[in-house]
Each structure stands twice: as structure tokens, then as C-alpha cells.
Amino acid sequence: MQAQVITVKQARLIECLAGVESLDQALELVALCAEHDAPCVLLAEEALPPAFFDLSSRFAGEFIQKLVNYRLAVAGVFVDGAAYGERFGEYLHEARRGRQFRVFDDREAALAWLAAQH
């Protein structure tokens, strides 16, 4: 998994860039957040495996739940969520109003929300 620490408006966060392949990697992100005193995670669409976009796999729900259980604010950037099917589009629609996990169309909006969570 590729991740980096970035700072936005004095808020530190972990940006997950690529290579998520298993649910256990959510705990790796939690550990990175703790190590770098970064209470927020930015997930890039391209970092996530195909199973994330197949709701019947339960990957998305379990992965995100592991992150929010540790009280992390999580933002996902999905340019065209509808491309993954109607059900996933509904999931993203609901997540656009989330309190701990929120979905955005662009990286800048996601970063602004995460900075405000700090």
C-alpha cells in the first residue's frame, strides 16, 4: 500500500494513494495515523481494489468501519461513482452526508472537509 503524510491548513492527514488489497490494510492506515498524529484519511478511488466497489463483497463497509471505529475522519474521492453500478452509486449518495466518512467528487473538496475535522 502506498500512503503519504500531508498537511492541509495545519491539519496532518494520511493520503492513501495505491495498493489497498486487503481489509487488514485499514489497520495499517490506523497505525500510520497514530504514528504521525494524523486523525484523518484521504482515500483515492484508484487506491481501492475492485472488491470495494462490489457491495456484495462487504469490503467497502468493513474497510471504512475499521477506520471510523478508531474515530478517524475519512474522505473518499470518487470522480464517477455511478460507473460502478446503481447500488454503489446509492452507497456514495448516502456517504455524501456522512459525519465520519464522506465522499467527494474532487480532491480539493475532500481536503477542505478533512482540514475542518481536525
C-alpha atoms as a PDB file:
ATOM      1  CA  MET A   1       0.000   0.000   0.000  1.00  0.00           C
ATOM      2  CA  GLN A   2       1.246   3.468  -0.864  1.00  0.00           C
ATOM      3  CA  ALA A   3       0.421   6.259   1.559  1.00  0.00           C
ATOM      4  CA  GLN A   4       1.865   9.624   2.425  1.00  0.00           C
ATOM      5  CA  VAL A   5       1.554  12.193   5.185  1.00  0.00           C
ATOM      6  CA  ILE A   6       0.337  15.574   4.036  1.00  0.00           C
ATOM      7  CA  THR A   7      -0.549  18.779   5.849  1.00  0.00           C
ATOM      8  CA  VAL A   8      -3.528  20.908   4.901  1.00  0.00           C
ATOM      9  CA  LYS A   9      -4.193  24.103   6.859  1.00  0.00           C
ATOM     10  CA  GLN A  10      -2.064  22.788   9.739  1.00  0.00           C
ATOM     11  CA  ALA A  11      -4.010  19.503   9.817  1.00  0.00           C
ATOM     12  CA  ARG A  12      -1.974  16.346   9.269  1.00  0.00           C
ATOM     13  CA  LEU A  13      -3.561  13.512   7.387  1.00  0.00           C
ATOM     14  CA  ILE A  14      -2.706  10.267   5.675  1.00  0.00           C
ATOM     15  CA  GLU A  15      -3.405  10.062   1.966  1.00  0.00           C
ATOM     16  CA  CYS A  16      -3.795   6.526   0.660  1.00  0.00           C
ATOM     17  CA  LEU A  17      -2.608   6.594  -2.951  1.00  0.00           C
ATOM     18  CA  ALA A  18      -2.492   2.992  -4.177  1.00  0.00           C
ATOM     19  CA  GLY A  19      -2.289  -0.667  -3.398  1.00  0.00           C
ATOM     20  CA  VAL A  20      -5.118  -1.477  -0.982  1.00  0.00           C
ATOM     21  CA  GLU A  21      -5.663  -5.198  -1.368  1.00  0.00           C
ATOM     22  CA  SER A  22      -6.986  -6.473   1.972  1.00  0.00           C
ATOM     23  CA  LEU A  23      -9.149  -5.426   4.891  1.00  0.00           C
ATOM     24  CA  ASP A  24      -6.131  -5.647   7.197  1.00  0.00           C
ATOM     25  CA  GLN A  25      -4.656  -2.639   5.459  1.00  0.00           C
ATOM     26  CA  ALA A  26      -7.283  -0.482   7.163  1.00  0.00           C
ATOM     27  CA  LEU A  27      -5.412  -1.208  10.387  1.00  0.00           C
ATOM     28  CA  GLU A  28      -2.155  -0.225   8.678  1.00  0.00           C
ATOM     29  CA  LEU A  29      -3.763   3.143   7.931  1.00  0.00           C
ATOM     30  CA  VAL A  30      -4.871   3.422  11.567  1.00  0.00           C
ATOM     31  CA  ALA A  31      -1.284   2.733  12.667  1.00  0.00           C
ATOM     32  CA  LEU A  32       0.082   5.350  10.254  1.00  0.00           C
ATOM     33  CA  CYS A  33      -2.410   7.884  11.603  1.00  0.00           C
ATOM     34  CA  ALA A  34      -1.336   7.163  15.171  1.00  0.00           C
ATOM     35  CA  GLU A  35       2.363   7.258  14.279  1.00  0.00           C
ATOM     36  CA  HIS A  36       2.068  10.647  12.572  1.00  0.00           C
ATOM     37  CA  ASP A  37      -0.611  12.198  14.822  1.00  0.00           C
ATOM     38  CA  ALA A  38      -2.919  12.423  11.817  1.00  0.00           C
ATOM     39  CA  PRO A  39      -6.611  11.902  12.660  1.00  0.00           C
ATOM     40  CA  CYS A  40      -7.796  11.935   9.049  1.00  0.00           C
ATOM     41  CA  VAL A  41      -7.539   9.675   5.994  1.00  0.00           C
ATOM     42  CA  LEU A  42      -7.971  10.575   2.336  1.00  0.00           C
ATOM     43  CA  LEU A  43      -8.787   7.609   0.090  1.00  0.00           C
ATOM     44  CA  ALA A  44      -8.173   7.909  -3.621  1.00  0.00           C
ATOM     45  CA  GLU A  45     -10.542   5.908  -5.817  1.00  0.00           C
ATOM     46  CA  GLU A  46      -7.645   4.328  -7.685  1.00  0.00           C
ATOM     47  CA  ALA A  47      -6.118   3.064  -4.417  1.00  0.00           C
ATOM     48  CA  LEU A  48      -9.034   0.731  -3.755  1.00  0.00           C
ATOM     49  CA  PRO A  49      -9.491  -2.830  -5.034  1.00  0.00           C
ATOM     50  CA  PRO A  50     -12.380  -3.960  -7.266  1.00  0.00           C
ATOM     51  CA  ALA A  51     -13.977  -5.651  -4.238  1.00  0.00           C
ATOM     52  CA  PHE A  52     -14.502  -2.212  -2.664  1.00  0.00           C
ATOM     53  CA  PHE A  53     -16.910  -1.305  -5.466  1.00  0.00           C
ATOM     54  CA  ASP A  54     -18.857  -4.575  -5.226  1.00  0.00           C
ATOM     55  CA  LEU A  55     -21.102  -4.056  -2.210  1.00  0.00           C
ATOM     56  CA  SER A  56     -21.942  -7.759  -2.030  1.00  0.00           C
ATOM     57  CA  SER A  57     -18.292  -8.391  -1.056  1.00  0.00           C
ATOM     58  CA  ARG A  58     -18.798  -6.213   2.056  1.00  0.00           C
ATOM     59  CA  PHE A  59     -15.245  -4.899   1.587  1.00  0.00           C
ATOM     60  CA  ALA A  60     -16.242  -1.214   1.470  1.00  0.00           C
ATOM     61  CA  GLY A  61     -18.349  -1.353   4.615  1.00  0.00           C
ATOM     62  CA  GLU A  62     -15.839  -3.344   6.634  1.00  0.00           C
ATOM     63  CA  PHE A  63     -12.832  -1.313   5.467  1.00  0.00           C
ATOM     64  CA  ILE A  64     -14.455   2.032   6.268  1.00  0.00           C
ATOM     65  CA  GLN A  65     -15.883   0.730   9.554  1.00  0.00           C
ATOM     66  CA  LYS A  66     -12.403  -0.254  10.758  1.00  0.00           C
ATOM     67  CA  LEU A  67     -11.209   3.299  10.136  1.00  0.00           C
ATOM     68  CA  VAL A  68     -14.134   5.061  11.800  1.00  0.00           C
ATOM     69  CA  ASN A  69     -14.005   2.714  14.803  1.00  0.00           C
ATOM     70  CA  TYR A  70     -10.745   4.493  15.637  1.00  0.00           C
ATOM     71  CA  ARG A  71     -12.513   7.854  15.322  1.00  0.00           C
ATOM     72  CA  LEU A  72     -10.727   8.812  12.129  1.00  0.00           C
ATOM     73  CA  ALA A  73     -12.354  11.202   9.703  1.00  0.00           C
ATOM     74  CA  VAL A  74     -12.287   9.552   6.281  1.00  0.00           C
ATOM     75  CA  ALA A  75     -12.861  11.213   2.917  1.00  0.00           C
ATOM     76  CA  GLY A  76     -13.143   9.301  -0.313  1.00  0.00           C
ATOM     77  CA  VAL A  77     -12.722  10.851  -3.740  1.00  0.00           C
ATOM     78  CA  PHE A  78     -14.827   9.162  -6.409  1.00  0.00           C
ATOM     79  CA  VAL A  79     -14.949  11.019  -9.712  1.00  0.00           C
ATOM     80  CA  ASP A  80     -17.725   8.887 -11.231  1.00  0.00           C
ATOM     81  CA  GLY A  81     -19.265   6.626  -8.617  1.00  0.00           C
ATOM     82  CA  ALA A  82     -22.143   5.751 -10.954  1.00  0.00           C
ATOM     83  CA  ALA A  83     -19.633   3.908 -13.146  1.00  0.00           C
ATOM     84  CA  TYR A  84     -19.606   1.137 -10.527  1.00  0.00           C
ATOM     85  CA  GLY A  85     -23.311   0.425 -10.727  1.00  0.00           C
ATOM     86  CA  GLU A  86     -26.553   1.661  -9.258  1.00  0.00           C
ATOM     87  CA  ARG A  87     -26.126   0.116  -5.806  1.00  0.00           C
ATOM     88  CA  PHE A  88     -22.644   1.555  -5.321  1.00  0.00           C
ATOM     89  CA  GLY A  89     -23.929   4.910  -6.566  1.00  0.00           C
ATOM     90  CA  GLU A  90     -26.621   4.779  -3.856  1.00  0.00           C
ATOM     91  CA  TYR A  91     -23.950   3.989  -1.257  1.00  0.00           C
ATOM     92  CA  LEU A  92     -21.941   7.027  -2.357  1.00  0.00           C
ATOM     93  CA  HIS A  93     -25.027   9.233  -2.397  1.00  0.00           C
ATOM     94  CA  GLU A  94     -25.662   8.366   1.243  1.00  0.00           C
ATOM     95  CA  ALA A  95     -21.988   8.867   2.147  1.00  0.00           C
ATOM     96  CA  ARG A  96     -22.024  12.430   0.789  1.00  0.00           C
ATOM     97  CA  ARG A  97     -23.713  13.448   4.054  1.00  0.00           C
ATOM     98  CA  GLY A  98     -21.655  11.264   6.389  1.00  0.00           C
ATOM     99  CA  ARG A  99     -20.223  12.541   9.648  1.00  0.00           C
ATOM    100  CA  GLN A 100     -17.084  10.370   9.827  1.00  0.00           C
ATOM    101  CA  PHE A 101     -16.921   9.055   6.261  1.00  0.00           C
ATOM    102  CA  ARG A 102     -17.786  11.449   3.488  1.00  0.00           C
ATOM    103  CA  VAL A 103     -17.500  11.174  -0.265  1.00  0.00           C
ATOM    104  CA  PHE A 104     -16.450  13.907  -2.680  1.00  0.00           C
ATOM    105  CA  ASP A 105     -16.110  14.391  -6.432  1.00  0.00           C
ATOM    106  CA  ASP A 106     -12.744  16.129  -6.193  1.00  0.00           C
ATOM    107  CA  ARG A 107      -9.654  16.037  -4.007  1.00  0.00           C
ATOM    108  CA  GLU A 108      -9.732  19.731  -3.050  1.00  0.00           C
ATOM    109  CA  ALA A 109     -13.224  19.497  -1.533  1.00  0.00           C
ATOM    110  CA  ALA A 110     -12.219  16.356   0.365  1.00  0.00           C
ATOM    111  CA  LEU A 111      -9.094  18.050   1.734  1.00  0.00           C
ATOM    112  CA  ALA A 112     -11.083  21.111   2.836  1.00  0.00           C
ATOM    113  CA  TRP A 113     -13.566  18.892   4.727  1.00  0.00           C
ATOM    114  CA  LEU A 114     -10.785  16.877   6.371  1.00  0.00           C
ATOM    115  CA  ALA A 115      -8.956  20.054   7.436  1.00  0.00           C
ATOM    116  CA  ALA A 116     -12.176  21.273   9.059  1.00  0.00           C
ATOM    117  CA  GLN A 117     -12.466  17.988  11.018  1.00  0.00           C
ATOM    118  CA  HIS A 118      -9.124  18.465  12.742  1.00  0.00           C
END
